[in-house]
């Protein structure tokens, strides 16, 4: 894949997530996907995302910085949302919070096969202090 093709594929993946079109997830994610070094497979990946949307009904993946250098993509995702209960161990309970995720993807045969994610969980705690 070229950088442009990789970027197009990735933006299609983000659109799939934002529309919660889980039946199409396999077009973007490999059956044998690994997340932070652990094989979770496509079904485990889908379950993780469905749980995220259950905990954060207004979850929307906003692409910030995006770098595509085949076979990898690096992206800063930004979130502005209202989790219904706890998020990362913090009692958010419907309050609006903003945080980011720095995530790296590796593609094989046009699909995501590895994901490495670091979420700025401290940002959530910082916003809740004093409330």
N, C-alpha and C. Protein backbone atom coordinates (compact mmCIF):
# COMPACT_ATOMS: atom_id res chain seq x y z
N UNK A 1 0.83 -1.19 0.00
CA UNK A 1 0.00 0.00 0.00
C UNK A 1 0.88 1.25 0.00
N UNK A 2 0.46 2.26 -0.72
CA UNK A 2 1.14 3.54 -0.69
C UNK A 2 0.67 4.31 0.55
N UNK A 3 1.35 5.40 0.86
CA UNK A 3 0.93 6.24 1.99
C UNK A 3 -0.50 6.74 1.81
N UNK A 4 -0.84 7.13 0.60
CA UNK A 4 -2.19 7.62 0.32
C UNK A 4 -3.22 6.52 0.51
N UNK A 5 -2.93 5.33 0.00
CA UNK A 5 -3.86 4.21 0.16
C UNK A 5 -4.02 3.84 1.64
N UNK A 6 -2.91 3.88 2.36
CA UNK A 6 -2.94 3.56 3.78
C UNK A 6 -3.77 4.60 4.55
N UNK A 7 -3.60 5.86 4.23
CA UNK A 7 -4.38 6.93 4.85
C UNK A 7 -5.86 6.76 4.54
N UNK A 8 -6.19 6.45 3.29
CA UNK A 8 -7.59 6.24 2.90
C UNK A 8 -8.19 5.06 3.65
N UNK A 9 -7.44 3.98 3.76
CA UNK A 9 -7.90 2.80 4.48
C UNK A 9 -8.14 3.14 5.95
N UNK A 10 -7.21 3.88 6.54
CA UNK A 10 -7.33 4.23 7.95
C UNK A 10 -8.54 5.14 8.19
N UNK A 11 -8.75 6.12 7.34
CA UNK A 11 -9.90 7.00 7.52
C UNK A 11 -11.21 6.22 7.32
N UNK A 12 -11.21 5.21 6.46
CA UNK A 12 -12.37 4.33 6.33
C UNK A 12 -12.61 3.55 7.60
N UNK A 13 -11.53 3.09 8.23
CA UNK A 13 -11.61 2.38 9.50
C UNK A 13 -12.23 3.28 10.58
N UNK A 14 -11.76 4.52 10.67
CA UNK A 14 -12.29 5.47 11.67
C UNK A 14 -13.77 5.73 11.41
N UNK A 15 -14.16 5.86 10.15
CA UNK A 15 -15.57 6.05 9.81
C UNK A 15 -16.39 4.84 10.24
N UNK A 16 -15.84 3.65 10.07
CA UNK A 16 -16.50 2.41 10.50
C UNK A 16 -16.72 2.42 12.01
N UNK A 17 -15.70 2.84 12.76
CA UNK A 17 -15.84 2.92 14.22
C UNK A 17 -16.90 3.94 14.61
N UNK A 18 -16.84 5.11 14.04
CA UNK A 18 -17.76 6.18 14.41
C UNK A 18 -19.21 5.85 14.06
N UNK A 19 -19.42 5.05 13.04
CA UNK A 19 -20.78 4.65 12.67
C UNK A 19 -21.18 3.35 13.37
N UNK A 20 -20.24 2.77 14.13
CA UNK A 20 -20.47 1.50 14.82
C UNK A 20 -20.97 0.43 13.85
N UNK A 21 -20.38 0.41 12.68
CA UNK A 21 -20.75 -0.54 11.64
C UNK A 21 -19.93 -1.82 11.82
N UNK A 22 -20.25 -2.57 12.87
CA UNK A 22 -19.41 -3.70 13.28
C UNK A 22 -19.34 -4.80 12.23
N UNK A 23 -20.35 -4.93 11.39
CA UNK A 23 -20.32 -5.97 10.36
C UNK A 23 -19.24 -5.69 9.31
N UNK A 24 -18.80 -4.45 9.21
CA UNK A 24 -17.76 -4.07 8.24
C UNK A 24 -16.36 -4.04 8.85
N UNK A 25 -16.24 -4.26 10.17
CA UNK A 25 -14.95 -4.13 10.85
C UNK A 25 -13.88 -5.05 10.26
N UNK A 26 -14.27 -6.25 9.83
CA UNK A 26 -13.34 -7.20 9.25
C UNK A 26 -12.71 -6.74 7.94
N UNK A 27 -13.28 -5.72 7.31
CA UNK A 27 -12.66 -5.15 6.11
C UNK A 27 -11.39 -4.38 6.47
N UNK A 28 -11.30 -3.94 7.73
CA UNK A 28 -10.20 -3.09 8.17
C UNK A 28 -9.28 -3.77 9.18
N UNK A 29 -9.78 -4.76 9.89
CA UNK A 29 -9.03 -5.39 10.98
C UNK A 29 -8.85 -6.87 10.68
N UNK A 30 -7.60 -7.32 10.82
CA UNK A 30 -7.24 -8.71 10.55
C UNK A 30 -7.88 -9.66 11.57
N UNK A 31 -8.20 -10.84 11.13
CA UNK A 31 -8.80 -11.87 11.99
C UNK A 31 -7.90 -12.21 13.19
N UNK A 32 -6.60 -12.01 13.03
CA UNK A 32 -5.61 -12.39 14.05
C UNK A 32 -4.99 -11.15 14.72
N UNK A 33 -5.74 -10.06 14.83
CA UNK A 33 -5.20 -8.80 15.33
C UNK A 33 -4.65 -8.93 16.75
N UNK A 34 -3.55 -8.20 16.99
CA UNK A 34 -2.94 -8.11 18.32
C UNK A 34 -3.14 -6.68 18.83
N UNK A 35 -3.40 -6.55 20.13
CA UNK A 35 -3.59 -5.25 20.77
C UNK A 35 -2.62 -5.16 21.94
N UNK A 36 -1.73 -4.17 21.87
CA UNK A 36 -0.69 -3.99 22.90
C UNK A 36 0.03 -5.30 23.22
N UNK A 37 0.38 -6.01 22.15
CA UNK A 37 1.18 -7.22 22.28
C UNK A 37 0.42 -8.49 22.55
N UNK A 38 -0.88 -8.41 22.73
CA UNK A 38 -1.68 -9.59 23.04
C UNK A 38 -2.63 -9.89 21.88
N UNK A 39 -2.67 -11.17 21.47
CA UNK A 39 -3.60 -11.56 20.42
C UNK A 39 -5.01 -11.55 21.00
N UNK A 40 -5.88 -10.71 20.42
CA UNK A 40 -7.27 -10.69 20.87
C UNK A 40 -8.21 -11.10 19.74
N UNK A 41 -7.71 -11.14 18.52
CA UNK A 41 -8.53 -11.53 17.37
C UNK A 41 -9.59 -10.50 17.05
N UNK A 42 -10.19 -10.68 15.90
CA UNK A 42 -11.20 -9.74 15.43
C UNK A 42 -12.40 -9.67 16.38
N UNK A 43 -12.86 -10.82 16.87
CA UNK A 43 -14.01 -10.82 17.76
C UNK A 43 -13.70 -10.11 19.09
N UNK A 44 -12.50 -10.33 19.61
CA UNK A 44 -12.10 -9.64 20.84
C UNK A 44 -11.96 -8.15 20.63
N UNK A 45 -11.45 -7.77 19.47
CA UNK A 45 -11.30 -6.35 19.13
C UNK A 45 -12.67 -5.69 19.03
N UNK A 46 -13.58 -6.38 18.36
CA UNK A 46 -14.95 -5.86 18.22
C UNK A 46 -15.60 -5.73 19.60
N UNK A 47 -15.45 -6.74 20.45
CA UNK A 47 -16.04 -6.70 21.79
C UNK A 47 -15.47 -5.53 22.60
N UNK A 48 -14.16 -5.28 22.46
CA UNK A 48 -13.53 -4.16 23.16
C UNK A 48 -14.17 -2.83 22.71
N UNK A 49 -14.36 -2.67 21.41
CA UNK A 49 -14.95 -1.44 20.88
C UNK A 49 -16.42 -1.30 21.30
N UNK A 50 -17.17 -2.40 21.26
CA UNK A 50 -18.57 -2.34 21.68
C UNK A 50 -18.66 -1.95 23.15
N UNK A 51 -17.76 -2.46 23.98
CA UNK A 51 -17.73 -2.08 25.40
C UNK A 51 -17.41 -0.60 25.56
N UNK A 52 -16.49 -0.10 24.74
CA UNK A 52 -16.15 1.33 24.79
C UNK A 52 -17.38 2.19 24.51
N UNK A 53 -18.15 1.81 23.48
CA UNK A 53 -19.34 2.59 23.13
C UNK A 53 -20.45 2.43 24.16
N UNK A 54 -20.49 1.30 24.85
CA UNK A 54 -21.48 1.12 25.92
C UNK A 54 -21.15 2.04 27.09
N UNK A 55 -19.86 2.15 27.42
CA UNK A 55 -19.42 3.00 28.53
C UNK A 55 -19.46 4.48 28.16
N UNK A 56 -19.31 4.77 26.87
CA UNK A 56 -19.26 6.15 26.39
C UNK A 56 -20.20 6.26 25.18
N UNK A 57 -21.49 6.42 25.40
CA UNK A 57 -22.46 6.41 24.29
C UNK A 57 -22.19 7.46 23.21
N UNK A 58 -21.59 8.59 23.58
CA UNK A 58 -21.32 9.64 22.58
C UNK A 58 -19.88 9.58 22.08
N UNK A 59 -19.24 8.44 22.21
CA UNK A 59 -17.85 8.28 21.77
C UNK A 59 -17.71 8.60 20.29
N UNK A 60 -16.73 9.42 19.97
CA UNK A 60 -16.44 9.77 18.58
C UNK A 60 -14.93 9.89 18.44
N UNK A 61 -14.38 9.17 17.48
CA UNK A 61 -12.94 9.17 17.22
C UNK A 61 -12.61 10.35 16.32
N UNK A 62 -11.88 11.33 16.85
CA UNK A 62 -11.48 12.52 16.10
C UNK A 62 -10.00 12.40 15.79
N UNK A 63 -9.67 12.37 14.52
CA UNK A 63 -8.28 12.22 14.10
C UNK A 63 -7.55 13.54 14.24
N UNK A 64 -6.47 13.52 15.00
CA UNK A 64 -5.59 14.68 15.11
C UNK A 64 -4.42 14.48 14.17
N UNK A 65 -3.26 14.39 14.71
CA UNK A 65 -2.06 14.15 13.92
C UNK A 65 -2.13 12.75 13.32
N UNK A 66 -1.85 12.64 12.04
CA UNK A 66 -1.89 11.35 11.34
C UNK A 66 -0.67 11.24 10.44
N UNK A 67 0.09 10.19 10.65
CA UNK A 67 1.27 9.92 9.82
C UNK A 67 1.14 8.51 9.27
N UNK A 68 1.24 8.37 7.96
CA UNK A 68 1.16 7.06 7.32
C UNK A 68 2.47 6.79 6.60
N UNK A 69 3.14 5.77 7.05
CA UNK A 69 4.39 5.32 6.43
C UNK A 69 4.31 3.80 6.34
N UNK A 70 3.91 3.30 5.17
CA UNK A 70 3.66 1.87 5.03
C UNK A 70 4.79 1.01 5.61
N UNK A 71 4.39 -0.01 6.36
CA UNK A 71 3.04 -0.54 6.60
C UNK A 71 2.40 -0.03 7.89
N UNK A 72 2.82 1.14 8.38
CA UNK A 72 2.34 1.62 9.68
C UNK A 72 1.64 2.98 9.59
N UNK A 73 0.75 3.19 10.56
CA UNK A 73 0.07 4.46 10.75
C UNK A 73 0.28 4.87 12.20
N UNK A 74 0.59 6.14 12.41
CA UNK A 74 0.65 6.71 13.76
C UNK A 74 -0.41 7.80 13.81
N UNK A 75 -1.19 7.81 14.89
CA UNK A 75 -2.28 8.77 14.96
C UNK A 75 -2.51 9.23 16.39
N UNK A 76 -2.80 10.50 16.53
CA UNK A 76 -3.30 11.02 17.79
C UNK A 76 -4.80 11.15 17.62
N UNK A 77 -5.53 10.39 18.44
CA UNK A 77 -6.99 10.48 18.44
C UNK A 77 -7.41 11.36 19.60
N UNK A 78 -8.39 12.20 19.36
CA UNK A 78 -8.88 13.11 20.39
C UNK A 78 -10.34 12.77 20.71
N UNK A 79 -10.66 12.85 21.99
CA UNK A 79 -12.00 12.51 22.45
C UNK A 79 -12.55 13.63 23.32
N UNK A 80 -13.81 13.94 23.12
CA UNK A 80 -14.56 14.91 23.91
C UNK A 80 -15.91 14.25 24.15
N UNK A 81 -16.11 13.70 25.35
CA UNK A 81 -17.25 12.81 25.53
C UNK A 81 -17.77 12.82 26.96
N UNK A 82 -18.88 12.09 27.16
CA UNK A 82 -19.55 12.02 28.46
C UNK A 82 -19.75 10.55 28.85
N UNK A 83 -18.75 9.91 29.43
CA UNK A 83 -18.92 8.53 29.88
C UNK A 83 -20.03 8.44 30.93
N UNK A 84 -20.76 7.32 30.92
CA UNK A 84 -21.91 7.20 31.81
C UNK A 84 -21.53 6.83 33.25
N UNK A 85 -20.42 6.18 33.45
CA UNK A 85 -20.01 5.78 34.80
C UNK A 85 -18.56 6.11 35.03
N UNK A 86 -17.78 5.06 35.31
CA UNK A 86 -16.35 5.24 35.50
C UNK A 86 -15.62 5.17 34.17
N UNK A 87 -14.53 5.90 34.09
CA UNK A 87 -13.65 5.83 32.93
C UNK A 87 -12.22 5.81 33.46
N UNK A 88 -11.50 4.74 33.15
CA UNK A 88 -10.11 4.57 33.60
C UNK A 88 -10.01 4.64 35.12
N UNK A 89 -11.08 4.19 35.80
CA UNK A 89 -11.08 4.20 37.26
C UNK A 89 -11.53 5.51 37.89
N UNK A 90 -11.90 6.47 37.08
CA UNK A 90 -12.35 7.76 37.59
C UNK A 90 -13.87 7.84 37.48
N UNK A 91 -14.56 8.34 38.52
CA UNK A 91 -16.02 8.46 38.50
C UNK A 91 -16.47 9.67 37.67
N UNK A 92 -16.58 9.47 36.38
CA UNK A 92 -16.96 10.56 35.48
C UNK A 92 -18.47 10.82 35.57
N UNK A 93 -19.25 9.75 35.51
CA UNK A 93 -20.71 9.82 35.72
C UNK A 93 -21.41 10.90 34.91
N UNK A 94 -21.18 10.91 33.61
CA UNK A 94 -21.90 11.81 32.72
C UNK A 94 -21.29 13.18 32.52
N UNK A 95 -20.21 13.48 33.23
CA UNK A 95 -19.54 14.77 33.01
C UNK A 95 -18.74 14.71 31.71
N UNK A 96 -18.57 15.83 31.08
CA UNK A 96 -17.80 15.90 29.85
C UNK A 96 -16.31 15.91 30.17
N UNK A 97 -15.56 15.06 29.48
CA UNK A 97 -14.11 15.02 29.63
C UNK A 97 -13.47 14.98 28.25
N UNK A 98 -12.25 15.47 28.20
CA UNK A 98 -11.44 15.41 26.98
C UNK A 98 -10.17 14.64 27.30
N UNK A 99 -9.74 13.80 26.36
CA UNK A 99 -8.48 13.08 26.50
C UNK A 99 -8.01 12.67 25.11
N UNK A 100 -6.78 12.20 25.05
CA UNK A 100 -6.24 11.77 23.76
C UNK A 100 -5.67 10.36 23.88
N UNK A 101 -5.52 9.76 22.73
CA UNK A 101 -4.91 8.44 22.61
C UNK A 101 -3.88 8.53 21.51
N UNK A 102 -2.66 8.10 21.81
CA UNK A 102 -1.63 7.98 20.79
C UNK A 102 -1.59 6.51 20.40
N UNK A 103 -1.84 6.25 19.14
CA UNK A 103 -1.99 4.85 18.72
C UNK A 103 -1.20 4.62 17.44
N UNK A 104 -0.60 3.44 17.40
CA UNK A 104 0.19 3.02 16.26
C UNK A 104 -0.42 1.74 15.71
N UNK A 105 -0.53 1.65 14.41
CA UNK A 105 -1.12 0.49 13.75
C UNK A 105 -0.12 -0.07 12.76
N UNK A 106 -0.14 -1.38 12.62
CA UNK A 106 0.63 -2.04 11.57
C UNK A 106 -0.36 -2.78 10.69
N UNK A 107 -0.23 -2.60 9.39
CA UNK A 107 -1.13 -3.21 8.42
C UNK A 107 -0.44 -4.38 7.72
N UNK A 108 -1.24 -5.39 7.43
CA UNK A 108 -0.77 -6.54 6.63
C UNK A 108 -1.92 -6.89 5.68
N UNK A 109 -1.60 -6.97 4.41
CA UNK A 109 -2.61 -7.29 3.39
C UNK A 109 -3.83 -6.35 3.47
N UNK A 110 -3.55 -5.07 3.73
CA UNK A 110 -4.60 -4.06 3.72
C UNK A 110 -5.46 -3.99 4.97
N UNK A 111 -5.08 -4.74 6.02
CA UNK A 111 -5.87 -4.72 7.25
C UNK A 111 -4.96 -4.55 8.46
N UNK A 112 -5.50 -4.03 9.53
CA UNK A 112 -4.76 -3.80 10.77
C UNK A 112 -4.45 -5.14 11.43
N UNK A 113 -3.16 -5.39 11.68
CA UNK A 113 -2.78 -6.64 12.33
C UNK A 113 -2.19 -6.42 13.72
N UNK A 114 -1.68 -5.22 13.99
CA UNK A 114 -1.14 -4.87 15.29
C UNK A 114 -1.57 -3.46 15.67
N UNK A 115 -1.93 -3.29 16.94
CA UNK A 115 -2.30 -1.98 17.47
C UNK A 115 -1.54 -1.79 18.78
N UNK A 116 -0.89 -0.64 18.91
CA UNK A 116 -0.23 -0.26 20.16
C UNK A 116 -0.85 1.06 20.59
N UNK A 117 -1.43 1.10 21.77
CA UNK A 117 -2.21 2.25 22.22
C UNK A 117 -1.74 2.75 23.57
N UNK A 118 -1.62 4.08 23.67
CA UNK A 118 -1.33 4.74 24.95
C UNK A 118 -2.37 5.84 25.11
N UNK A 119 -3.19 5.72 26.16
CA UNK A 119 -4.26 6.68 26.41
C UNK A 119 -3.85 7.60 27.56
N UNK A 120 -4.10 8.88 27.40
CA UNK A 120 -3.78 9.86 28.45
C UNK A 120 -4.86 9.82 29.52
N UNK A 121 -4.79 8.80 30.36
CA UNK A 121 -5.79 8.60 31.42
C UNK A 121 -5.69 9.68 32.49
N UNK A 122 -4.49 10.19 32.73
CA UNK A 122 -4.31 11.22 33.76
C UNK A 122 -5.09 12.49 33.42
N UNK A 123 -5.28 12.76 32.13
CA UNK A 123 -6.04 13.95 31.73
C UNK A 123 -7.46 13.90 32.26
N UNK A 124 -8.03 12.71 32.32
CA UNK A 124 -9.40 12.57 32.84
C UNK A 124 -9.41 12.90 34.33
N UNK A 125 -8.47 12.33 35.08
CA UNK A 125 -8.38 12.60 36.50
C UNK A 125 -8.15 14.07 36.80
N UNK A 126 -7.30 14.71 36.01
CA UNK A 126 -7.03 16.13 36.20
C UNK A 126 -8.27 16.99 36.02
N UNK A 127 -9.14 16.62 35.08
CA UNK A 127 -10.34 17.39 34.82
C UNK A 127 -11.39 17.22 35.91
N UNK A 128 -11.33 16.10 36.63
CA UNK A 128 -12.34 15.83 37.66
C UNK A 128 -11.96 16.40 39.01
N UNK A 129 -10.69 16.76 39.20
CA UNK A 129 -10.27 17.34 40.47
C UNK A 129 -11.01 18.64 40.70
N UNK A 130 -11.48 18.80 41.91
CA UNK A 130 -12.16 20.04 42.26
C UNK A 130 -13.62 20.06 41.90
N UNK A 131 -14.13 18.98 41.27
CA UNK A 131 -15.56 18.94 40.94
C UNK A 131 -16.34 18.27 42.05
